[in-house]
Amino acid sequence: MEDLYDEFSNEEIDETSKMEKTMTWYGINMRTMMDDSTSKYAELILQGANMGIIEGRRLLNHNKEIDSEVNKVVDEFVKMQEKMVEELKEYL
């Protein structure tokens, strides 16, 4: 995957900083402190998956001249996220 990124982008791969990871960890803990049910965790995962779906669809819809390999990777990612959303609904 990194080779594909290097081939089609002249930007560095964004690395998540330790501060961002810490803030995410605390955010999840704060949101689950009062409710650590399976339903709450499913909700949080669904929110993240929906953000991925939206961004992926946006990339596909607004970049019609995108390379076919990149298009395939993004499309597979979006489909994977959509499948996960459907599977997680039963846990809400």
PDB file of N, CA and C in Angstrom:
ATOM      1  N   MET A   1       0.827  -1.180   0.000  1.00  0.00           N
ATOM      2  CA  MET A   1       0.000   0.000   0.000  1.00  0.00           C
ATOM      3  C   MET A   1       0.881   1.257   0.000  1.00  0.00           C
ATOM      4  N   GLU A   2       1.944   1.227   0.779  1.00  0.00           N
ATOM      5  CA  GLU A   2       2.833   2.390   0.838  1.00  0.00           C
ATOM      6  C   GLU A   2       3.465   2.665  -0.520  1.00  0.00           C
ATOM      7  N   ASP A   3       3.793   1.599  -1.262  1.00  0.00           N
ATOM      8  CA  ASP A   3       4.361   1.772  -2.603  1.00  0.00           C
ATOM      9  C   ASP A   3       3.380   2.498  -3.513  1.00  0.00           C
ATOM     10  N   LEU A   4       2.112   2.140  -3.420  1.00  0.00           N
ATOM     11  CA  LEU A   4       1.076   2.788  -4.222  1.00  0.00           C
ATOM     12  C   LEU A   4       0.973   4.261  -3.843  1.00  0.00           C
ATOM     13  N   TYR A   5       1.030   4.541  -2.542  1.00  0.00           N
ATOM     14  CA  TYR A   5       0.969   5.928  -2.073  1.00  0.00           C
ATOM     15  C   TYR A   5       2.159   6.716  -2.619  1.00  0.00           C
ATOM     16  N   ASP A   6       3.343   6.143  -2.516  1.00  0.00           N
ATOM     17  CA  ASP A   6       4.543   6.819  -3.008  1.00  0.00           C
ATOM     18  C   ASP A   6       4.469   7.088  -4.507  1.00  0.00           C
ATOM     19  N   GLU A   7       3.876   6.165  -5.247  1.00  0.00           N
ATOM     20  CA  GLU A   7       3.788   6.306  -6.693  1.00  0.00           C
ATOM     21  C   GLU A   7       2.871   7.457  -7.105  1.00  0.00           C
ATOM     22  N   PHE A   8       1.805   7.686  -6.348  1.00  0.00           N
ATOM     23  CA  PHE A   8       0.798   8.659  -6.763  1.00  0.00           C
ATOM     24  C   PHE A   8       0.760   9.921  -5.916  1.00  0.00           C
ATOM     25  N   SER A   9       1.632  10.048  -4.953  1.00  0.00           N
ATOM     26  CA  SER A   9       1.636  11.243  -4.117  1.00  0.00           C
ATOM     27  C   SER A   9       3.054  11.715  -3.892  1.00  0.00           C
ATOM     28  N   ASN A  10       3.216  13.013  -3.850  1.00  0.00           N
ATOM     29  CA  ASN A  10       4.535  13.563  -3.545  1.00  0.00           C
ATOM     30  C   ASN A  10       4.564  14.112  -2.121  1.00  0.00           C
ATOM     31  N   GLU A  11       3.575  13.724  -1.320  1.00  0.00           N
ATOM     32  CA  GLU A  11       3.504  14.152   0.070  1.00  0.00           C
ATOM     33  C   GLU A  11       3.966  13.022   0.986  1.00  0.00           C
ATOM     34  N   GLU A  12       4.382  13.400   2.174  1.00  0.00           N
ATOM     35  CA  GLU A  12       4.750  12.426   3.187  1.00  0.00           C
ATOM     36  C   GLU A  12       3.475  11.771   3.731  1.00  0.00           C
ATOM     37  N   ILE A  13       3.568  10.530   4.152  1.00  0.00           N
ATOM     38  CA  ILE A  13       2.446   9.870   4.807  1.00  0.00           C
ATOM     39  C   ILE A  13       2.288  10.508   6.172  1.00  0.00           C
ATOM     40  N   ASP A  14       1.062  10.898   6.487  1.00  0.00           N
ATOM     41  CA  ASP A  14       0.798  11.509   7.792  1.00  0.00           C
ATOM     42  C   ASP A  14       0.927  10.460   8.883  1.00  0.00           C
ATOM     43  N   GLU A  15       1.738  10.754   9.850  1.00  0.00           N
ATOM     44  CA  GLU A  15       1.872   9.889  11.012  1.00  0.00           C
ATOM     45  C   GLU A  15       1.071  10.506  12.154  1.00  0.00           C
ATOM     46  N   THR A  16       0.411   9.673  12.914  1.00  0.00           N
ATOM     47  CA  THR A  16      -0.341  10.160  14.062  1.00  0.00           C
ATOM     48  C   THR A  16       0.637  10.389  15.206  1.00  0.00           C
ATOM     49  N   SER A  17       0.638  11.608  15.717  1.00  0.00           N
ATOM     50  CA  SER A  17       1.565  11.941  16.792  1.00  0.00           C
ATOM     51  C   SER A  17       1.128  11.283  18.094  1.00  0.00           C
ATOM     52  N   LYS A  18       2.065  11.206  19.028  1.00  0.00           N
ATOM     53  CA  LYS A  18       1.748  10.636  20.335  1.00  0.00           C
ATOM     54  C   LYS A  18       0.676  11.460  21.026  1.00  0.00           C
ATOM     55  N   MET A  19       0.701  12.779  20.820  1.00  0.00           N
ATOM     56  CA  MET A  19      -0.297  13.653  21.431  1.00  0.00           C
ATOM     57  C   MET A  19      -1.688  13.340  20.874  1.00  0.00           C
ATOM     58  N   GLU A  20      -1.785  13.149  19.558  1.00  0.00           N
ATOM     59  CA  GLU A  20      -3.078  12.816  18.946  1.00  0.00           C
ATOM     60  C   GLU A  20      -3.580  11.463  19.444  1.00  0.00           C
ATOM     61  N   LYS A  21      -2.685  10.505  19.552  1.00  0.00           N
ATOM     62  CA  LYS A  21      -3.070   9.185  20.046  1.00  0.00           C
ATOM     63  C   LYS A  21      -3.565   9.277  21.489  1.00  0.00           C
ATOM     64  N   THR A  22      -2.875  10.067  22.296  1.00  0.00           N
ATOM     65  CA  THR A  22      -3.264  10.243  23.694  1.00  0.00           C
ATOM     66  C   THR A  22      -4.622  10.916  23.795  1.00  0.00           C
ATOM     67  N   MET A  23      -4.832  11.959  23.001  1.00  0.00           N
ATOM     68  CA  MET A  23      -6.106  12.675  23.022  1.00  0.00           C
ATOM     69  C   MET A  23      -7.249  11.757  22.573  1.00  0.00           C
ATOM     70  N   THR A  24      -7.008  10.935  21.580  1.00  0.00           N
ATOM     71  CA  THR A  24      -8.026   9.993  21.111  1.00  0.00           C
ATOM     72  C   THR A  24      -8.349   8.988  22.213  1.00  0.00           C
ATOM     73  N   TRP A  25      -7.313   8.473  22.859  1.00  0.00           N
ATOM     74  CA  TRP A  25      -7.502   7.502  23.933  1.00  0.00           C
ATOM     75  C   TRP A  25      -8.331   8.105  25.056  1.00  0.00           C
ATOM     76  N   TYR A  26      -7.987   9.332  25.478  1.00  0.00           N
ATOM     77  CA  TYR A  26      -8.745   9.991  26.538  1.00  0.00           C
ATOM     78  C   TYR A  26     -10.175  10.290  26.091  1.00  0.00           C
ATOM     79  N   GLY A  27     -10.348  10.685  24.847  1.00  0.00           N
ATOM     80  CA  GLY A  27     -11.688  10.968  24.331  1.00  0.00           C
ATOM     81  C   GLY A  27     -12.581   9.748  24.397  1.00  0.00           C
ATOM     82  N   ILE A  28     -12.037   8.604  23.978  1.00  0.00           N
ATOM     83  CA  ILE A  28     -12.815   7.365  24.025  1.00  0.00           C
ATOM     84  C   ILE A  28     -13.134   6.997  25.467  1.00  0.00           C
ATOM     85  N   ASN A  29     -12.150   7.124  26.341  1.00  0.00           N
ATOM     86  CA  ASN A  29     -12.386   6.795  27.748  1.00  0.00           C
ATOM     87  C   ASN A  29     -13.427   7.712  28.378  1.00  0.00           C
ATOM     88  N   MET A  30     -13.412   8.986  28.027  1.00  0.00           N
ATOM     89  CA  MET A  30     -14.396   9.923  28.570  1.00  0.00           C
ATOM     90  C   MET A  30     -15.800   9.566  28.077  1.00  0.00           C
ATOM     91  N   ARG A  31     -15.917   9.189  26.812  1.00  0.00           N
ATOM     92  CA  ARG A  31     -17.230   8.870  26.250  1.00  0.00           C
ATOM     93  C   ARG A  31     -17.774   7.537  26.728  1.00  0.00           C
ATOM     94  N   THR A  32     -16.902   6.691  27.257  1.00  0.00           N
ATOM     95  CA  THR A  32     -17.355   5.379  27.715  1.00  0.00           C
ATOM     96  C   THR A  32     -17.296   5.239  29.237  1.00  0.00           C
ATOM     97  N   MET A  33     -16.935   6.311  29.916  1.00  0.00           N
ATOM     98  CA  MET A  33     -16.810   6.249  31.376  1.00  0.00           C
ATOM     99  C   MET A  33     -18.159   5.919  32.043  1.00  0.00           C
ATOM    100  N   MET A  34     -19.204   6.560  31.591  1.00  0.00           N
ATOM    101  CA  MET A  34     -20.521   6.346  32.196  1.00  0.00           C
ATOM    102  C   MET A  34     -21.280   5.194  31.523  1.00  0.00           C
ATOM    103  N   ASP A  35     -20.880   4.861  30.307  1.00  0.00           N
ATOM    104  CA  ASP A  35     -21.571   3.800  29.559  1.00  0.00           C
ATOM    105  C   ASP A  35     -20.536   3.002  28.781  1.00  0.00           C
ATOM    106  N   ASP A  36     -20.159   1.859  29.318  1.00  0.00           N
ATOM    107  CA  ASP A  36     -19.165   1.030  28.631  1.00  0.00           C
ATOM    108  C   ASP A  36     -19.820  -0.197  28.002  1.00  0.00           C
ATOM    109  N   SER A  37     -21.053  -0.013  27.579  1.00  0.00           N
ATOM    110  CA  SER A  37     -21.790  -1.115  26.974  1.00  0.00           C
ATOM    111  C   SER A  37     -21.301  -1.397  25.555  1.00  0.00           C
ATOM    112  N   THR A  38     -21.620  -2.567  25.082  1.00  0.00           N
ATOM    113  CA  THR A  38     -21.307  -2.944  23.708  1.00  0.00           C
ATOM    114  C   THR A  38     -21.930  -1.951  22.739  1.00  0.00           C
ATOM    115  N   SER A  39     -23.131  -1.499  23.066  1.00  0.00           N
ATOM    116  CA  SER A  39     -23.838  -0.533  22.222  1.00  0.00           C
ATOM    117  C   SER A  39     -23.050   0.768  22.076  1.00  0.00           C
ATOM    118  N   LYS A  40     -22.466   1.240  23.162  1.00  0.00           N
ATOM    119  CA  LYS A  40     -21.695   2.491  23.120  1.00  0.00           C
ATOM    120  C   LYS A  40     -20.449   2.329  22.259  1.00  0.00           C
ATOM    121  N   TYR A  41     -19.762   1.205  22.418  1.00  0.00           N
ATOM    122  CA  TYR A  41     -18.572   0.964  21.599  1.00  0.00           C
ATOM    123  C   TYR A  41     -18.948   0.841  20.127  1.00  0.00           C
ATOM    124  N   ALA A  42     -20.054   0.164  19.839  1.00  0.00           N
ATOM    125  CA  ALA A  42     -20.518   0.049  18.455  1.00  0.00           C
ATOM    126  C   ALA A  42     -20.814   1.429  17.882  1.00  0.00           C
ATOM    127  N   GLU A  43     -21.435   2.285  18.684  1.00  0.00           N
ATOM    128  CA  GLU A  43     -21.745   3.648  18.241  1.00  0.00           C
ATOM    129  C   GLU A  43     -20.471   4.417  17.882  1.00  0.00           C
ATOM    130  N   LEU A  44     -19.458   4.325  18.721  1.00  0.00           N
ATOM    131  CA  LEU A  44     -18.204   5.034  18.454  1.00  0.00           C
ATOM    132  C   LEU A  44     -17.519   4.517  17.197  1.00  0.00           C
ATOM    133  N   ILE A  45     -17.510   3.217  17.021  1.00  0.00           N
ATOM    134  CA  ILE A  45     -16.901   2.630  15.824  1.00  0.00           C
ATOM    135  C   ILE A  45     -17.688   3.029  14.582  1.00  0.00           C
ATOM    136  N   LEU A  46     -19.019   3.040  14.695  1.00  0.00           N
ATOM    137  CA  LEU A  46     -19.867   3.452  13.570  1.00  0.00           C
ATOM    138  C   LEU A  46     -19.598   4.900  13.166  1.00  0.00           C
ATOM    139  N   GLN A  47     -19.402   5.759  14.138  1.00  0.00           N
ATOM    140  CA  GLN A  47     -19.105   7.157  13.826  1.00  0.00           C
ATOM    141  C   GLN A  47     -17.821   7.270  13.015  1.00  0.00           C
ATOM    142  N   GLY A  48     -16.796   6.532  13.420  1.00  0.00           N
ATOM    143  CA  GLY A  48     -15.538   6.545  12.678  1.00  0.00           C
ATOM    144  C   GLY A  48     -15.683   5.943  11.292  1.00  0.00           C
ATOM    145  N   ALA A  49     -16.417   4.850  11.194  1.00  0.00           N
ATOM    146  CA  ALA A  49     -16.627   4.208   9.894  1.00  0.00           C
ATOM    147  C   ALA A  49     -17.390   5.136   8.952  1.00  0.00           C
ATOM    148  N   ASN A  50     -18.387   5.829   9.475  1.00  0.00           N
ATOM    149  CA  ASN A  50     -19.151   6.759   8.633  1.00  0.00           C
ATOM    150  C   ASN A  50     -18.274   7.900   8.126  1.00  0.00           C
ATOM    151  N   MET A  51     -17.353   8.362   8.948  1.00  0.00           N
ATOM    152  CA  MET A  51     -16.428   9.405   8.479  1.00  0.00           C
ATOM    153  C   MET A  51     -15.563   8.862   7.345  1.00  0.00           C
ATOM    154  N   GLY A  52     -15.115   7.611   7.460  1.00  0.00           N
ATOM    155  CA  GLY A  52     -14.325   6.993   6.406  1.00  0.00           C
ATOM    156  C   GLY A  52     -15.113   6.821   5.116  1.00  0.00           C
ATOM    157  N   ILE A  53     -16.374   6.434   5.244  1.00  0.00           N
ATOM    158  CA  ILE A  53     -17.231   6.270   4.069  1.00  0.00           C
ATOM    159  C   ILE A  53     -17.432   7.607   3.368  1.00  0.00           C
ATOM    160  N   ILE A  54     -17.739   8.629   4.135  1.00  0.00           N
ATOM    161  CA  ILE A  54     -17.970   9.959   3.557  1.00  0.00           C
ATOM    162  C   ILE A  54     -16.726  10.450   2.831  1.00  0.00           C
ATOM    163  N   GLU A  55     -15.583  10.358   3.471  1.00  0.00           N
ATOM    164  CA  GLU A  55     -14.350  10.835   2.857  1.00  0.00           C
ATOM    165  C   GLU A  55     -13.992  10.020   1.624  1.00  0.00           C
ATOM    166  N   GLY A  56     -14.154   8.702   1.712  1.00  0.00           N
ATOM    167  CA  GLY A  56     -13.862   7.846   0.562  1.00  0.00           C
ATOM    168  C   GLY A  56     -14.760   8.144  -0.624  1.00  0.00           C
ATOM    169  N   ARG A  57     -16.054   8.274  -0.374  1.00  0.00           N
ATOM    170  CA  ARG A  57     -16.987   8.603  -1.462  1.00  0.00           C
ATOM    171  C   ARG A  57     -16.682   9.966  -2.050  1.00  0.00           C
ATOM    172  N   ARG A  58     -16.318  10.905  -1.191  1.00  0.00           N
ATOM    173  CA  ARG A  58     -15.960  12.246  -1.666  1.00  0.00           C
ATOM    174  C   ARG A  58     -14.741  12.169  -2.594  1.00  0.00           C
ATOM    175  N   LEU A  59     -13.743  11.400  -2.200  1.00  0.00           N
ATOM    176  CA  LEU A  59     -12.555  11.240  -3.044  1.00  0.00           C
ATOM    177  C   LEU A  59     -12.914  10.629  -4.392  1.00  0.00           C
ATOM    178  N   LEU A  60     -13.758   9.606  -4.371  1.00  0.00           N
ATOM    179  CA  LEU A  60     -14.134   8.943  -5.615  1.00  0.00           C
ATOM    180  C   LEU A  60     -14.984   9.842  -6.511  1.00  0.00           C
ATOM    181  N   ASN A  61     -15.899  10.583  -5.916  1.00  0.00           N
ATOM    182  CA  ASN A  61     -16.823  11.410  -6.700  1.00  0.00           C
ATOM    183  C   ASN A  61     -16.190  12.686  -7.248  1.00  0.00           C
ATOM    184  N   HIS A  62     -15.181  13.208  -6.576  1.00  0.00           N
ATOM    185  CA  HIS A  62     -14.602  14.496  -6.983  1.00  0.00           C
ATOM    186  C   HIS A  62     -13.253  14.356  -7.678  1.00  0.00           C
ATOM    187  N   ASN A  63     -12.823  13.149  -7.917  1.00  0.00           N
ATOM    188  CA  ASN A  63     -11.541  12.911  -8.588  1.00  0.00           C
ATOM    189  C   ASN A  63     -11.749  11.903  -9.708  1.00  0.00           C
ATOM    190  N   LYS A  64     -12.465  12.307 -10.715  1.00  0.00           N
ATOM    191  CA  LYS A  64     -12.827  11.402 -11.810  1.00  0.00           C
ATOM    192  C   LYS A  64     -11.610  10.900 -12.587  1.00  0.00           C
ATOM    193  N   GLU A  65     -10.511  11.630 -12.561  1.00  0.00           N
ATOM    194  CA  GLU A  65      -9.325  11.235 -13.314  1.00  0.00           C
ATOM    195  C   GLU A  65      -8.324  10.468 -12.452  1.00  0.00           C
ATOM    196  N   ILE A  66      -8.782   9.964 -11.334  1.00  0.00           N
ATOM    197  CA  ILE A  66      -7.922   9.226 -10.419  1.00  0.00           C
ATOM    198  C   ILE A  66      -7.451   7.928 -11.093  1.00  0.00           C
ATOM    199  N   ASP A  67      -6.243   7.525 -10.804  1.00  0.00           N
ATOM    200  CA  ASP A  67      -5.689   6.294 -11.353  1.00  0.00           C
ATOM    201  C   ASP A  67      -6.565   5.109 -10.960  1.00  0.00           C
ATOM    202  N   SER A  68      -6.689   4.136 -11.824  1.00  0.00           N
ATOM    203  CA  SER A  68      -7.574   2.999 -11.588  1.00  0.00           C
ATOM    204  C   SER A  68      -7.158   2.186 -10.361  1.00  0.00           C
ATOM    205  N   GLU A  69      -5.858   2.070 -10.100  1.00  0.00           N
ATOM    206  CA  GLU A  69      -5.401   1.327  -8.912  1.00  0.00           C
ATOM    207  C   GLU A  69      -5.802   2.043  -7.641  1.00  0.00           C
ATOM    208  N   VAL A  70      -5.636   3.361  -7.630  1.00  0.00           N
ATOM    209  CA  VAL A  70      -6.018   4.155  -6.459  1.00  0.00           C
ATOM    210  C   VAL A  70      -7.530   4.089  -6.275  1.00  0.00           C
ATOM    211  N   ASN A  71      -8.261   4.206  -7.361  1.00  0.00           N
ATOM    212  CA  ASN A  71      -9.717   4.123  -7.310  1.00  0.00           C
ATOM    213  C   ASN A  71     -10.144   2.785  -6.711  1.00  0.00           C
ATOM    214  N   LYS A  72      -9.502   1.724  -7.124  1.00  0.00           N
ATOM    215  CA  LYS A  72      -9.829   0.386  -6.626  1.00  0.00           C
ATOM    216  C   LYS A  72      -9.598   0.281  -5.119  1.00  0.00           C
ATOM    217  N   VAL A  73      -8.462   0.796  -4.650  1.00  0.00           N
ATOM    218  CA  VAL A  73      -8.138   0.729  -3.220  1.00  0.00           C
ATOM    219  C   VAL A  73      -9.158   1.515  -2.405  1.00  0.00           C
ATOM    220  N   VAL A  74      -9.475   2.724  -2.855  1.00  0.00           N
ATOM    221  CA  VAL A  74     -10.436   3.557  -2.126  1.00  0.00           C
ATOM    222  C   VAL A  74     -11.817   2.903  -2.142  1.00  0.00           C
ATOM    223  N   ASP A  75     -12.221   2.384  -3.296  1.00  0.00           N
ATOM    224  CA  ASP A  75     -13.525   1.736  -3.404  1.00  0.00           C
ATOM    225  C   ASP A  75     -13.610   0.517  -2.488  1.00  0.00           C
ATOM    226  N   GLU A  76     -12.564  -0.292  -2.431  1.00  0.00           N
ATOM    227  CA  GLU A  76     -12.543  -1.455  -1.544  1.00  0.00           C
ATOM    228  C   GLU A  76     -12.621  -1.029  -0.079  1.00  0.00           C
ATOM    229  N   PHE A  77     -11.920   0.051   0.266  1.00  0.00           N
ATOM    230  CA  PHE A  77     -11.956   0.570   1.632  1.00  0.00           C
ATOM    231  C   PHE A  77     -13.374   0.988   2.002  1.00  0.00           C
ATOM    232  N   VAL A  78     -14.020   1.741   1.108  1.00  0.00           N
ATOM    233  CA  VAL A  78     -15.382   2.213   1.374  1.00  0.00           C
ATOM    234  C   VAL A  78     -16.334   1.027   1.523  1.00  0.00           C
ATOM    235  N   LYS A  79     -16.232   0.054   0.662  1.00  0.00           N
ATOM    236  CA  LYS A  79     -17.102  -1.124   0.746  1.00  0.00           C
ATOM    237  C   LYS A  79     -16.872  -1.888   2.045  1.00  0.00           C
ATOM    238  N   MET A  80     -15.623  -1.975   2.479  1.00  0.00           N
ATOM    239  CA  MET A  80     -15.311  -2.640   3.736  1.00  0.00           C
ATOM    240  C   MET A  80     -15.954  -1.891   4.905  1.00  0.00           C
ATOM    241  N   GLN A  81     -15.872  -0.567   4.877  1.00  0.00           N
ATOM    242  CA  GLN A  81     -16.479   0.247   5.929  1.00  0.00           C
ATOM    243  C   GLN A  81     -18.000   0.100   5.928  1.00  0.00           C
ATOM    244  N   GLU A  82     -18.591   0.080   4.748  1.00  0.00           N
ATOM    245  CA  GLU A  82     -20.045  -0.072   4.643  1.00  0.00           C
ATOM    246  C   GLU A  82     -20.492  -1.434   5.177  1.00  0.00           C
ATOM    247  N   LYS A  83     -19.728  -2.467   4.890  1.00  0.00           N
ATOM    248  CA  LYS A  83     -20.053  -3.808   5.404  1.00  0.00           C
ATOM    249  C   LYS A  83     -19.959  -3.824   6.922  1.00  0.00           C
ATOM    250  N   MET A  84     -18.937  -3.178   7.462  1.00  0.00           N
ATOM    251  CA  MET A  84     -18.764  -3.126   8.905  1.00  0.00           C
ATOM    252  C   MET A  84     -19.936  -2.394   9.559  1.00  0.00           C
ATOM    253  N   VAL A  85     -20.394  -1.306   8.940  1.00  0.00           N
ATOM    254  CA  VAL A  85     -21.531  -0.562   9.472  1.00  0.00           C
ATOM    255  C   VAL A  85     -22.745  -1.487   9.582  1.00  0.00           C
ATOM    256  N   GLU A  86     -23.007  -2.241   8.533  1.00  0.00           N
ATOM    257  CA  GLU A  86     -24.156  -3.145   8.549  1.00  0.00           C
ATOM    258  C   GLU A  86     -24.018  -4.199   9.650  1.00  0.00           C
ATOM    259  N   GLU A  87     -22.822  -4.723   9.825  1.00  0.00           N
ATOM    260  CA  GLU A  87     -22.603  -5.757  10.845  1.00  0.00           C
ATOM    261  C   GLU A  87     -22.705  -5.199  12.256  1.00  0.00           C
ATOM    262  N   LEU A  88     -22.325  -3.938  12.459  1.00  0.00           N
ATOM    263  CA  LEU A  88     -22.344  -3.344  13.788  1.00  0.00           C
ATOM    264  C   LEU A  88     -23.728  -2.900  14.224  1.00  0.00           C
ATOM    265  N   LYS A  89     -24.644  -2.739  13.297  1.00  0.00           N
ATOM    266  CA  LYS A  89     -25.982  -2.266  13.645  1.00  0.00           C
ATOM    267  C   LYS A  89     -26.673  -3.151  14.676  1.00  0.00           C
ATOM    268  N   GLU A  90     -26.389  -4.447  14.640  1.00  0.00           N
ATOM    269  CA  GLU A  90     -27.045  -5.347  15.580  1.00  0.00           C
ATOM    270  C   GLU A  90     -26.587  -5.120  17.016  1.00  0.00           C
ATOM    271  N   TYR A  91     -25.482  -4.407  17.209  1.00  0.00           N
ATOM    272  CA  TYR A  91     -24.957  -4.175  18.560  1.00  0.00           C
ATOM    273  C   TYR A  91     -25.444  -2.871  19.186  1.00  0.00           C
ATOM    274  N   LEU A  92     -26.178  -2.091  18.417  1.00  0.00           N
ATOM    275  CA  LEU A  92     -26.673  -0.810  18.958  1.00  0.00           C
ATOM    276  C   LEU A  92     -27.797  -1.027  19.951  1.00  0.00           C
TER     277      LEU A  92
END
